[in-house]
N, C-alpha and C. Protein backbone atom coordinates (compact mmCIF):
# COMPACT_ATOMS: atom_id res chain seq x y z
N MET A 1 104.80 121.49 98.20
CA MET A 1 104.71 119.75 98.72
C MET A 1 102.83 119.33 98.28
N ASN A 2 103.34 118.02 98.54
CA ASN A 2 102.29 117.23 97.84
C ASN A 2 101.57 116.28 99.17
N GLN A 3 101.09 116.99 100.43
CA GLN A 3 100.53 116.41 101.29
C GLN A 3 99.43 115.70 100.45
N ASP A 4 98.66 116.58 99.50
CA ASP A 4 97.10 115.65 99.34
C ASP A 4 97.53 114.89 98.31
N LYS A 5 98.33 114.81 97.97
CA LYS A 5 98.85 113.42 96.91
C LYS A 5 99.09 112.20 97.49
N VAL A 6 98.23 111.04 96.78
CA VAL A 6 98.22 109.93 97.34
C VAL A 6 98.80 108.91 96.06
N ALA A 7 99.87 108.00 96.56
CA ALA A 7 100.22 106.90 95.02
C ALA A 7 99.78 105.52 95.75
N ILE A 8 100.08 104.56 94.88
CA ILE A 8 100.13 103.31 94.91
C ILE A 8 100.91 102.83 93.93
N VAL A 9 102.08 102.21 94.49
CA VAL A 9 103.00 101.93 93.36
C VAL A 9 102.93 100.29 93.68
N THR A 10 102.95 99.98 92.21
CA THR A 10 102.80 98.36 92.33
C THR A 10 104.31 98.10 91.84
N GLY A 11 105.15 97.02 91.81
CA GLY A 11 106.15 96.83 92.10
C GLY A 11 107.26 97.52 91.97
N GLY A 12 107.22 97.81 93.26
CA GLY A 12 107.96 98.99 93.92
C GLY A 12 109.26 98.78 94.47
N GLY A 13 109.24 97.10 94.43
CA GLY A 13 110.76 96.84 95.05
C GLY A 13 111.65 96.55 94.24
N SER A 14 111.88 97.05 93.09
CA SER A 14 113.00 97.14 92.05
C SER A 14 112.95 97.88 90.79
N GLY A 15 113.66 97.96 90.23
CA GLY A 15 113.72 98.66 88.93
C GLY A 15 112.76 100.12 88.75
N LEU A 16 112.08 99.91 87.62
CA LEU A 16 110.97 101.27 87.33
C LEU A 16 110.19 101.60 88.66
N GLY A 17 109.34 100.22 89.32
CA GLY A 17 108.48 100.60 90.19
C GLY A 17 109.33 101.31 91.40
N GLN A 18 110.43 100.91 91.59
CA GLN A 18 111.63 101.48 92.35
C GLN A 18 111.65 103.07 92.52
N ALA A 19 111.94 102.87 91.15
CA ALA A 19 112.63 104.36 91.09
C ALA A 19 111.43 105.67 91.10
N VAL A 20 109.90 105.24 90.49
CA VAL A 20 108.79 105.81 90.89
C VAL A 20 108.68 105.76 92.12
N ALA A 21 108.56 105.01 92.93
CA ALA A 21 108.41 105.45 94.17
C ALA A 21 109.16 106.48 95.17
N LEU A 22 110.38 105.99 94.75
CA LEU A 22 111.74 107.04 95.25
C LEU A 22 111.30 108.21 94.66
N LYS A 23 110.79 108.80 93.30
CA LYS A 23 111.05 110.03 93.23
C LYS A 23 109.59 110.62 93.94
N LEU A 24 108.57 109.63 93.73
CA LEU A 24 107.60 110.56 94.90
C LEU A 24 107.48 110.53 96.17
N ALA A 25 108.71 109.54 96.63
CA ALA A 25 108.38 110.01 98.45
C ALA A 25 109.48 111.53 98.79
N GLU A 26 110.76 111.47 97.33
CA GLU A 26 111.01 112.87 97.30
C GLU A 26 110.20 114.23 97.31
N SER A 27 108.77 113.83 96.91
CA SER A 27 108.02 114.93 96.28
C SER A 27 107.02 115.06 97.63
N ASP A 28 107.19 114.33 98.74
CA ASP A 28 106.46 114.46 99.88
C ASP A 28 105.07 113.88 99.88
N ALA A 29 104.86 112.89 98.62
CA ALA A 29 103.59 112.20 98.58
C ALA A 29 103.87 111.41 99.62
N SER A 30 102.51 110.64 99.73
CA SER A 30 102.08 109.54 100.99
C SER A 30 101.81 108.63 99.45
N ILE A 31 103.10 107.25 99.99
CA ILE A 31 103.18 106.41 98.85
C ILE A 31 102.59 104.61 99.79
N THR A 32 102.55 103.96 98.88
CA THR A 32 102.03 102.69 99.17
C THR A 32 102.83 101.74 98.46
N ILE A 33 103.44 101.30 98.71
CA ILE A 33 104.56 100.13 97.99
C ILE A 33 104.08 98.73 98.08
N VAL A 34 103.36 98.10 96.80
CA VAL A 34 103.46 97.49 96.48
C VAL A 34 104.10 96.01 96.27
N ASP A 35 104.72 95.03 96.26
CA ASP A 35 105.49 94.02 95.58
C ASP A 35 105.28 92.72 95.64
N ILE A 36 105.96 91.71 95.04
CA ILE A 36 105.55 90.58 95.11
C ILE A 36 106.37 90.62 96.34
N SER A 37 107.59 90.33 96.59
CA SER A 37 108.90 90.58 97.54
C SER A 37 108.57 91.43 98.81
N GLU A 38 108.30 90.91 99.91
CA GLU A 38 107.96 91.79 101.29
C GLU A 38 109.54 92.49 101.23
N LYS A 39 110.12 91.59 101.02
CA LYS A 39 111.54 92.21 101.28
C LYS A 39 111.55 93.65 100.81
N ALA A 40 111.81 93.24 99.34
CA ALA A 40 112.39 93.76 98.49
C ALA A 40 111.45 95.41 98.28
N GLY A 41 109.99 95.06 99.03
CA GLY A 41 109.45 96.40 99.14
C GLY A 41 109.99 96.92 100.22
N GLN A 42 110.07 96.38 101.49
CA GLN A 42 110.81 97.25 102.80
C GLN A 42 111.97 97.67 102.55
N GLU A 43 112.79 97.15 101.75
CA GLU A 43 113.83 97.73 101.45
C GLU A 43 114.02 99.55 100.72
N THR A 44 112.92 99.60 99.74
CA THR A 44 112.56 100.36 99.03
C THR A 44 112.27 101.52 100.04
N VAL A 45 111.09 101.24 100.99
CA VAL A 45 110.79 101.93 101.92
C VAL A 45 112.01 102.89 102.63
N SER A 46 112.93 101.59 103.15
CA SER A 46 114.14 102.41 103.76
C SER A 46 115.21 103.53 102.74
N LEU A 47 114.83 102.82 101.79
CA LEU A 47 115.98 104.00 100.71
C LEU A 47 115.22 105.43 101.18
N SER A 48 113.88 105.26 101.21
CA SER A 48 112.98 106.30 100.62
C SER A 48 113.20 107.35 101.85
N PHE A 49 113.13 106.86 103.13
CA PHE A 49 112.99 107.65 104.59
C PHE A 49 115.05 108.10 104.56
N ARG A 50 115.74 107.09 104.00
CA ARG A 50 117.31 107.42 103.85
C ARG A 50 117.55 108.67 103.06
N LYS A 51 116.84 108.59 101.90
CA LYS A 51 116.96 110.05 100.54
C LYS A 51 116.47 110.95 101.69
N LYS A 52 115.68 111.25 102.17
CA LYS A 52 114.53 112.20 102.60
C LYS A 52 115.55 112.64 104.09
N SER A 53 116.09 111.69 105.05
CA SER A 53 117.24 112.35 105.73
C SER A 53 118.12 112.91 105.63
N ARG A 54 118.65 112.36 104.48
CA ARG A 54 119.82 113.26 103.76
C ARG A 54 119.62 114.35 102.64
N GLY A 55 118.49 114.53 102.62
CA GLY A 55 118.16 115.71 101.56
C GLY A 55 118.47 115.63 100.25
N ASP A 56 118.53 114.41 99.67
CA ASP A 56 118.66 113.93 98.27
C ASP A 56 117.75 114.47 97.66
């Protein structure tokens, strides 16, 4: 478990940034997603919670 791991992902709303954010979320790291589009960033947050709840 990476409970002591903290990451800030810039450009986390799409593309490579989103992929990195989702991978970090799977590892239980605490992440902050930053994107120029607030809506895109929020979508990444939603996706990460859905993946965790399904156990993907």
